[in-house]
């Protein structure tokens, strides 16, 4: 028999056309000031989404750093690179 436990995981999902425009304001709403954009391959760059997102964040005067080349279950070296 498993031990008793409580799990609390509030999640807010903002979904829809052009909702990426809200990302800076949402980060500010939660008290954020620094953002690490983590992405895998080059599709985020080729699609223009990375640059668009960075510009939205910069308009909110947020500090933005990038970490590309991230794969599922990254090696510890990549984690330290992000830190």
PDB file of N, CA and C in Angstrom:
ATOM      1  N   UNK A   1       0.844  -1.184   0.000  1.00  0.00           N
ATOM      2  CA  UNK A   1       0.000   0.000   0.000  1.00  0.00           C
ATOM      3  C   UNK A   1       0.889   1.247   0.000  1.00  0.00           C
ATOM      4  N   UNK A   2       0.543   2.234  -0.816  1.00  0.00           N
ATOM      5  CA  UNK A   2       1.309   3.471  -0.918  1.00  0.00           C
ATOM      6  C   UNK A   2       1.049   4.372   0.281  1.00  0.00           C
ATOM      7  N   UNK A   3       2.028   5.230   0.563  1.00  0.00           N
ATOM      8  CA  UNK A   3       1.862   6.213   1.622  1.00  0.00           C
ATOM      9  C   UNK A   3       0.903   7.300   1.168  1.00  0.00           C
ATOM     10  N   UNK A   4       0.218   7.894   2.115  1.00  0.00           N
ATOM     11  CA  UNK A   4      -0.662   9.012   1.802  1.00  0.00           C
ATOM     12  C   UNK A   4       0.185  10.219   1.389  1.00  0.00           C
ATOM     13  N   UNK A   5      -0.309  11.007   0.458  1.00  0.00           N
ATOM     14  CA  UNK A   5       0.386  12.222   0.070  1.00  0.00           C
ATOM     15  C   UNK A   5      -0.598  13.184  -0.557  1.00  0.00           C
ATOM     16  N   UNK A   6      -0.160  14.417  -0.658  1.00  0.00           N
ATOM     17  CA  UNK A   6      -0.955  15.449  -1.309  1.00  0.00           C
ATOM     18  C   UNK A   6      -0.097  16.045  -2.415  1.00  0.00           C
ATOM     19  N   UNK A   7      -0.679  16.236  -3.574  1.00  0.00           N
ATOM     20  CA  UNK A   7       0.030  16.795  -4.713  1.00  0.00           C
ATOM     21  C   UNK A   7      -0.736  18.013  -5.197  1.00  0.00           C
ATOM     22  N   UNK A   8      -0.058  19.152  -5.260  1.00  0.00           N
ATOM     23  CA  UNK A   8      -0.678  20.398  -5.690  1.00  0.00           C
ATOM     24  C   UNK A   8       0.128  20.945  -6.853  1.00  0.00           C
ATOM     25  N   UNK A   9      -0.498  21.114  -7.997  1.00  0.00           N
ATOM     26  CA  UNK A   9       0.213  21.575  -9.183  1.00  0.00           C
ATOM     27  C   UNK A   9      -0.650  22.547  -9.981  1.00  0.00           C
ATOM     28  N   UNK A  10      -0.681  23.804  -9.524  1.00  0.00           N
ATOM     29  CA  UNK A  10      -1.489  24.769 -10.276  1.00  0.00           C
ATOM     30  C   UNK A  10      -0.835  25.075 -11.622  1.00  0.00           C
ATOM     31  N   UNK A  11      -1.617  25.094 -12.634  1.00  0.00           N
ATOM     32  CA  UNK A  11      -1.111  25.347 -13.977  1.00  0.00           C
ATOM     33  C   UNK A  11      -2.012  26.360 -14.668  1.00  0.00           C
ATOM     34  N   UNK A  12      -1.378  27.323 -15.285  1.00  0.00           N
ATOM     35  CA  UNK A  12      -2.130  28.298 -16.075  1.00  0.00           C
ATOM     36  C   UNK A  12      -1.727  28.107 -17.520  1.00  0.00           C
ATOM     37  N   UNK A  13      -2.687  27.884 -18.376  1.00  0.00           N
ATOM     38  CA  UNK A  13      -2.427  27.685 -19.797  1.00  0.00           C
ATOM     39  C   UNK A  13      -3.082  28.827 -20.558  1.00  0.00           C
ATOM     40  N   UNK A  14      -2.277  29.535 -21.333  1.00  0.00           N
ATOM     41  CA  UNK A  14      -2.776  30.621 -22.179  1.00  0.00           C
ATOM     42  C   UNK A  14      -2.587  30.138 -23.604  1.00  0.00           C
ATOM     43  N   UNK A  15      -3.673  29.935 -24.308  1.00  0.00           N
ATOM     44  CA  UNK A  15      -3.621  29.299 -25.613  1.00  0.00           C
ATOM     45  C   UNK A  15      -4.461  30.074 -26.610  1.00  0.00           C
ATOM     46  N   UNK A  16      -3.987  30.192 -27.820  1.00  0.00           N
ATOM     47  CA  UNK A  16      -4.775  30.824 -28.863  1.00  0.00           C
ATOM     48  C   UNK A  16      -3.915  31.628 -29.806  1.00  0.00           C
ATOM     49  N   UNK A  17      -4.556  32.160 -30.812  1.00  0.00           N
ATOM     50  CA  UNK A  17      -3.879  32.925 -31.845  1.00  0.00           C
ATOM     51  C   UNK A  17      -3.216  34.161 -31.244  1.00  0.00           C
ATOM     52  N   UNK A  18      -1.928  34.313 -31.532  1.00  0.00           N
ATOM     53  CA  UNK A  18      -1.127  35.461 -31.125  1.00  0.00           C
ATOM     54  C   UNK A  18      -1.034  35.668 -29.617  1.00  0.00           C
ATOM     55  N   UNK A  19      -1.256  34.615 -28.826  1.00  0.00           N
ATOM     56  CA  UNK A  19      -1.139  34.757 -27.374  1.00  0.00           C
ATOM     57  C   UNK A  19       0.307  34.914 -26.926  1.00  0.00           C
ATOM     58  N   UNK A  20       1.272  34.622 -27.816  1.00  0.00           N
ATOM     59  CA  UNK A  20       2.674  34.829 -27.457  1.00  0.00           C
ATOM     60  C   UNK A  20       2.944  36.306 -27.153  1.00  0.00           C
ATOM     61  N   UNK A  21       2.074  37.186 -27.648  1.00  0.00           N
ATOM     62  CA  UNK A  21       2.218  38.613 -27.381  1.00  0.00           C
ATOM     63  C   UNK A  21       2.103  38.937 -25.887  1.00  0.00           C
ATOM     64  N   UNK A  22       1.509  38.027 -25.112  1.00  0.00           N
ATOM     65  CA  UNK A  22       1.280  38.255 -23.684  1.00  0.00           C
ATOM     66  C   UNK A  22       2.437  37.799 -22.806  1.00  0.00           C
ATOM     67  N   UNK A  23       3.432  37.135 -23.378  1.00  0.00           N
ATOM     68  CA  UNK A  23       4.440  36.466 -22.562  1.00  0.00           C
ATOM     69  C   UNK A  23       5.169  37.427 -21.619  1.00  0.00           C
ATOM     70  N   UNK A  24       5.544  38.586 -22.075  1.00  0.00           N
ATOM     71  CA  UNK A  24       6.245  39.537 -21.221  1.00  0.00           C
ATOM     72  C   UNK A  24       5.391  40.018 -20.065  1.00  0.00           C
ATOM     73  N   UNK A  25       4.166  40.364 -20.358  1.00  0.00           N
ATOM     74  CA  UNK A  25       3.255  40.832 -19.305  1.00  0.00           C
ATOM     75  C   UNK A  25       2.970  39.735 -18.285  1.00  0.00           C
ATOM     76  N   UNK A  26       2.831  38.487 -18.748  1.00  0.00           N
ATOM     77  CA  UNK A  26       2.584  37.377 -17.824  1.00  0.00           C
ATOM     78  C   UNK A  26       3.782  37.142 -16.911  1.00  0.00           C
ATOM     79  N   UNK A  27       4.971  37.263 -17.446  1.00  0.00           N
ATOM     80  CA  UNK A  27       6.165  37.094 -16.620  1.00  0.00           C
ATOM     81  C   UNK A  27       6.233  38.197 -15.577  1.00  0.00           C
ATOM     82  N   UNK A  28       5.959  39.417 -15.982  1.00  0.00           N
ATOM     83  CA  UNK A  28       5.922  40.542 -15.032  1.00  0.00           C
ATOM     84  C   UNK A  28       4.846  40.326 -13.964  1.00  0.00           C
ATOM     85  N   UNK A  29       3.697  39.794 -14.377  1.00  0.00           N
ATOM     86  CA  UNK A  29       2.584  39.541 -13.452  1.00  0.00           C
ATOM     87  C   UNK A  29       3.012  38.606 -12.315  1.00  0.00           C
ATOM     88  N   UNK A  30       3.895  37.681 -12.612  1.00  0.00           N
ATOM     89  CA  UNK A  30       4.374  36.734 -11.603  1.00  0.00           C
ATOM     90  C   UNK A  30       5.659  37.205 -10.931  1.00  0.00           C
ATOM     91  N   UNK A  31       6.063  38.439 -11.191  1.00  0.00           N
ATOM     92  CA  UNK A  31       7.215  39.017 -10.515  1.00  0.00           C
ATOM     93  C   UNK A  31       8.551  38.712 -11.177  1.00  0.00           C
ATOM     94  N   UNK A  32       8.527  38.180 -12.385  1.00  0.00           N
ATOM     95  CA  UNK A  32       9.766  37.836 -13.075  1.00  0.00           C
ATOM     96  C   UNK A  32      10.471  39.045 -13.656  1.00  0.00           C
ATOM     97  N   UNK A  33      11.793  38.932 -13.764  1.00  0.00           N
ATOM     98  CA  UNK A  33      12.577  39.996 -14.374  1.00  0.00           C
ATOM     99  C   UNK A  33      13.680  39.441 -15.281  1.00  0.00           C
ATOM    100  N   UNK A  34      13.955  38.145 -15.169  1.00  0.00           N
ATOM    101  CA  UNK A  34      14.996  37.502 -15.965  1.00  0.00           C
ATOM    102  C   UNK A  34      14.411  36.246 -16.594  1.00  0.00           C
ATOM    103  N   UNK A  35      14.708  36.033 -17.878  1.00  0.00           N
ATOM    104  CA  UNK A  35      14.125  34.909 -18.613  1.00  0.00           C
ATOM    105  C   UNK A  35      15.230  34.118 -19.294  1.00  0.00           C
ATOM    106  N   UNK A  36      15.187  32.811 -19.145  1.00  0.00           N
ATOM    107  CA  UNK A  36      16.063  31.916 -19.883  1.00  0.00           C
ATOM    108  C   UNK A  36      15.196  31.194 -20.898  1.00  0.00           C
ATOM    109  N   UNK A  37      15.418  31.463 -22.174  1.00  0.00           N
ATOM    110  CA  UNK A  37      14.675  30.790 -23.238  1.00  0.00           C
ATOM    111  C   UNK A  37      15.439  29.517 -23.591  1.00  0.00           C
ATOM    112  N   UNK A  38      14.806  28.394 -23.383  1.00  0.00           N
ATOM    113  CA  UNK A  38      15.417  27.095 -23.642  1.00  0.00           C
ATOM    114  C   UNK A  38      14.749  26.495 -24.872  1.00  0.00           C
ATOM    115  N   UNK A  39      15.575  26.096 -25.847  1.00  0.00           N
ATOM    116  CA  UNK A  39      15.014  25.506 -27.058  1.00  0.00           C
ATOM    117  C   UNK A  39      15.946  24.413 -27.556  1.00  0.00           C
ATOM    118  N   UNK A  40      15.416  23.596 -28.447  1.00  0.00           N
ATOM    119  CA  UNK A  40      16.176  22.460 -28.955  1.00  0.00           C
ATOM    120  C   UNK A  40      16.944  22.797 -30.215  1.00  0.00           C
ATOM    121  N   UNK A  41      16.361  22.460 -31.333  1.00  0.00           N
ATOM    122  CA  UNK A  41      17.046  22.630 -32.613  1.00  0.00           C
ATOM    123  C   UNK A  41      16.873  23.999 -33.215  1.00  0.00           C
ATOM    124  N   UNK A  42      17.068  24.055 -34.493  1.00  0.00           N
ATOM    125  CA  UNK A  42      17.060  25.325 -35.221  1.00  0.00           C
ATOM    126  C   UNK A  42      15.669  25.780 -35.661  1.00  0.00           C
ATOM    127  N   UNK A  43      14.651  24.944 -35.490  1.00  0.00           N
ATOM    128  CA  UNK A  43      13.315  25.330 -35.972  1.00  0.00           C
ATOM    129  C   UNK A  43      12.788  26.571 -35.259  1.00  0.00           C
ATOM    130  N   UNK A  44      13.147  26.748 -33.992  1.00  0.00           N
ATOM    131  CA  UNK A  44      12.726  27.950 -33.264  1.00  0.00           C
ATOM    132  C   UNK A  44      13.332  29.198 -33.892  1.00  0.00           C
ATOM    133  N   UNK A  45      14.531  29.043 -34.427  1.00  0.00           N
ATOM    134  CA  UNK A  45      15.194  30.165 -35.092  1.00  0.00           C
ATOM    135  C   UNK A  45      14.613  30.364 -36.490  1.00  0.00           C
ATOM    136  N   UNK A  46      14.536  29.281 -37.263  1.00  0.00           N
ATOM    137  CA  UNK A  46      14.040  29.373 -38.651  1.00  0.00           C
ATOM    138  C   UNK A  46      12.618  29.903 -38.730  1.00  0.00           C
ATOM    139  N   UNK A  47      11.788  29.522 -37.778  1.00  0.00           N
ATOM    140  CA  UNK A  47      10.390  29.963 -37.807  1.00  0.00           C
ATOM    141  C   UNK A  47      10.225  31.428 -37.430  1.00  0.00           C
ATOM    142  N   UNK A  48      11.254  31.997 -36.808  1.00  0.00           N
ATOM    143  CA  UNK A  48      11.169  33.388 -36.362  1.00  0.00           C
ATOM    144  C   UNK A  48      10.581  33.538 -34.973  1.00  0.00           C
ATOM    145  N   UNK A  49      10.115  32.440 -34.385  1.00  0.00           N
ATOM    146  CA  UNK A  49       9.469  32.515 -33.075  1.00  0.00           C
ATOM    147  C   UNK A  49      10.445  32.944 -31.986  1.00  0.00           C
ATOM    148  N   UNK A  50      11.679  32.483 -32.051  1.00  0.00           N
ATOM    149  CA  UNK A  50      12.663  32.852 -31.035  1.00  0.00           C
ATOM    150  C   UNK A  50      12.898  34.357 -31.037  1.00  0.00           C
ATOM    151  N   UNK A  51      13.156  34.916 -32.188  1.00  0.00           N
ATOM    152  CA  UNK A  51      13.407  36.358 -32.290  1.00  0.00           C
ATOM    153  C   UNK A  51      12.173  37.165 -31.882  1.00  0.00           C
ATOM    154  N   UNK A  52      11.005  36.725 -32.307  1.00  0.00           N
ATOM    155  CA  UNK A  52       9.757  37.413 -31.963  1.00  0.00           C
ATOM    156  C   UNK A  52       9.555  37.415 -30.450  1.00  0.00           C
ATOM    157  N   UNK A  53       9.776  36.263 -29.823  1.00  0.00           N
ATOM    158  CA  UNK A  53       9.602  36.145 -28.374  1.00  0.00           C
ATOM    159  C   UNK A  53      10.609  37.011 -27.631  1.00  0.00           C
ATOM    160  N   UNK A  54      11.867  36.985 -28.075  1.00  0.00           N
ATOM    161  CA  UNK A  54      12.884  37.823 -27.442  1.00  0.00           C
ATOM    162  C   UNK A  54      12.493  39.294 -27.505  1.00  0.00           C
ATOM    163  N   UNK A  55      12.008  39.745 -28.653  1.00  0.00           N
ATOM    164  CA  UNK A  55      11.610  41.146 -28.794  1.00  0.00           C
ATOM    165  C   UNK A  55      10.460  41.510 -27.863  1.00  0.00           C
ATOM    166  N   UNK A  56       9.514  40.615 -27.715  1.00  0.00           N
ATOM    167  CA  UNK A  56       8.384  40.863 -26.808  1.00  0.00           C
ATOM    168  C   UNK A  56       8.883  40.997 -25.374  1.00  0.00           C
ATOM    169  N   UNK A  57       9.802  40.124 -24.991  1.00  0.00           N
ATOM    170  CA  UNK A  57      10.353  40.165 -23.631  1.00  0.00           C
ATOM    171  C   UNK A  57      11.172  41.432 -23.411  1.00  0.00           C
ATOM    172  N   UNK A  58      11.954  41.814 -24.396  1.00  0.00           N
ATOM    173  CA  UNK A  58      12.773  43.027 -24.271  1.00  0.00           C
ATOM    174  C   UNK A  58      11.910  44.278 -24.181  1.00  0.00           C
ATOM    175  N   UNK A  59      10.756  44.282 -24.847  1.00  0.00           N
ATOM    176  CA  UNK A  59       9.832  45.417 -24.758  1.00  0.00           C
ATOM    177  C   UNK A  59       9.315  45.598 -23.336  1.00  0.00           C
ATOM    178  N   UNK A  60       9.295  44.507 -22.573  1.00  0.00           N
ATOM    179  CA  UNK A  60       8.874  44.565 -21.166  1.00  0.00           C
ATOM    180  C   UNK A  60      10.068  44.805 -20.240  1.00  0.00           C
ATOM    181  N   UNK A  61      11.222  45.145 -20.832  1.00  0.00           N
ATOM    182  CA  UNK A  61      12.446  45.400 -20.072  1.00  0.00           C
ATOM    183  C   UNK A  61      12.874  44.208 -19.215  1.00  0.00           C
ATOM    184  N   UNK A  62      12.710  43.022 -19.754  1.00  0.00           N
ATOM    185  CA  UNK A  62      13.153  41.803 -19.093  1.00  0.00           C
ATOM    186  C   UNK A  62      14.539  41.430 -19.596  1.00  0.00           C
ATOM    187  N   UNK A  63      15.366  40.873 -18.713  1.00  0.00           N
ATOM    188  CA  UNK A  63      16.662  40.352 -19.120  1.00  0.00           C
ATOM    189  C   UNK A  63      16.428  39.014 -19.806  1.00  0.00           C
ATOM    190  N   UNK A  64      17.031  38.812 -20.974  1.00  0.00           N
ATOM    191  CA  UNK A  64      16.798  37.588 -21.745  1.00  0.00           C
ATOM    192  C   UNK A  64      18.124  36.889 -22.035  1.00  0.00           C
ATOM    193  N   UNK A  65      18.180  35.594 -21.728  1.00  0.00           N
ATOM    194  CA  UNK A  65      19.313  34.749 -22.092  1.00  0.00           C
ATOM    195  C   UNK A  65      18.755  33.555 -22.855  1.00  0.00           C
ATOM    196  N   UNK A  66      19.595  32.957 -23.698  1.00  0.00           N
ATOM    197  CA  UNK A  66      19.160  31.819 -24.521  1.00  0.00           C
ATOM    198  C   UNK A  66      20.030  30.604 -24.241  1.00  0.00           C
ATOM    199  N   UNK A  67      19.413  29.438 -24.347  1.00  0.00           N
ATOM    200  CA  UNK A  67      20.142  28.176 -24.275  1.00  0.00           C
ATOM    201  C   UNK A  67      19.556  27.255 -25.332  1.00  0.00           C
ATOM    202  N   UNK A  68      20.285  27.094 -26.423  1.00  0.00           N
ATOM    203  CA  UNK A  68      19.830  26.244 -27.517  1.00  0.00           C
ATOM    204  C   UNK A  68      20.503  24.886 -27.484  1.00  0.00           C
ATOM    205  N   UNK A  69      19.999  23.991 -28.305  1.00  0.00           N
ATOM    206  CA  UNK A  69      20.581  22.659 -28.403  1.00  0.00           C
ATOM    207  C   UNK A  69      20.205  21.735 -27.261  1.00  0.00           C
ATOM    208  N   UNK A  70      19.112  22.049 -26.582  1.00  0.00           N
ATOM    209  CA  UNK A  70      18.684  21.237 -25.444  1.00  0.00           C
ATOM    210  C   UNK A  70      17.869  20.050 -25.948  1.00  0.00           C
ATOM    211  N   UNK A  71      18.179  18.881 -25.418  1.00  0.00           N
ATOM    212  CA  UNK A  71      17.484  17.648 -25.786  1.00  0.00           C
ATOM    213  C   UNK A  71      16.764  17.112 -24.551  1.00  0.00           C
ATOM    214  N   UNK A  72      15.796  16.223 -24.735  1.00  0.00           N
ATOM    215  CA  UNK A  72      15.154  15.604 -23.568  1.00  0.00           C
ATOM    216  C   UNK A  72      16.207  14.906 -22.705  1.00  0.00           C
ATOM    217  N   UNK A  73      16.044  14.989 -21.415  1.00  0.00           N
ATOM    218  CA  UNK A  73      16.989  14.403 -20.456  1.00  0.00           C
ATOM    219  C   UNK A  73      18.429  14.834 -20.758  1.00  0.00           C
ATOM    220  N   UNK A  74      18.687  16.139 -20.718  1.00  0.00           N
ATOM    221  CA  UNK A  74      20.016  16.632 -21.097  1.00  0.00           C
ATOM    222  C   UNK A  74      21.100  16.145 -20.142  1.00  0.00           C
ATOM    223  N   UNK A  75      22.311  16.083 -20.675  1.00  0.00           N
ATOM    224  CA  UNK A  75      23.455  15.731 -19.831  1.00  0.00           C
ATOM    225  C   UNK A  75      23.706  16.869 -18.842  1.00  0.00           C
ATOM    226  N   UNK A  76      24.352  16.533 -17.762  1.00  0.00           N
ATOM    227  CA  UNK A  76      24.599  17.496 -16.695  1.00  0.00           C
ATOM    228  C   UNK A  76      25.362  18.718 -17.199  1.00  0.00           C
ATOM    229  N   UNK A  77      26.249  18.543 -18.162  1.00  0.00           N
ATOM    230  CA  UNK A  77      27.004  19.671 -18.701  1.00  0.00           C
ATOM    231  C   UNK A  77      26.084  20.735 -19.285  1.00  0.00           C
ATOM    232  N   UNK A  78      25.022  20.295 -19.960  1.00  0.00           N
ATOM    233  CA  UNK A  78      24.076  21.247 -20.556  1.00  0.00           C
ATOM    234  C   UNK A  78      23.296  21.973 -19.467  1.00  0.00           C
ATOM    235  N   UNK A  79      22.972  21.247 -18.412  1.00  0.00           N
ATOM    236  CA  UNK A  79      22.273  21.871 -17.279  1.00  0.00           C
ATOM    237  C   UNK A  79      23.155  22.966 -16.662  1.00  0.00           C
ATOM    238  N   UNK A  80      24.431  22.660 -16.463  1.00  0.00           N
ATOM    239  CA  UNK A  80      25.352  23.656 -15.910  1.00  0.00           C
ATOM    240  C   UNK A  80      25.517  24.840 -16.862  1.00  0.00           C
ATOM    241  N   UNK A  81      25.491  24.587 -18.141  1.00  0.00           N
ATOM    242  CA  UNK A  81      25.567  25.669 -19.124  1.00  0.00           C
ATOM    243  C   UNK A  81      24.387  26.624 -18.938  1.00  0.00           C
ATOM    244  N   UNK A  82      23.215  26.075 -18.671  1.00  0.00           N
ATOM    245  CA  UNK A  82      22.032  26.886 -18.447  1.00  0.00           C
ATOM    246  C   UNK A  82      22.104  27.685 -17.148  1.00  0.00           C
ATOM    247  N   UNK A  83      22.741  27.112 -16.161  1.00  0.00           N
ATOM    248  CA  UNK A  83      22.891  27.801 -14.877  1.00  0.00           C
ATOM    249  C   UNK A  83      23.811  28.984 -15.039  1.00  0.00           C
TER     250      UNK A  83
END
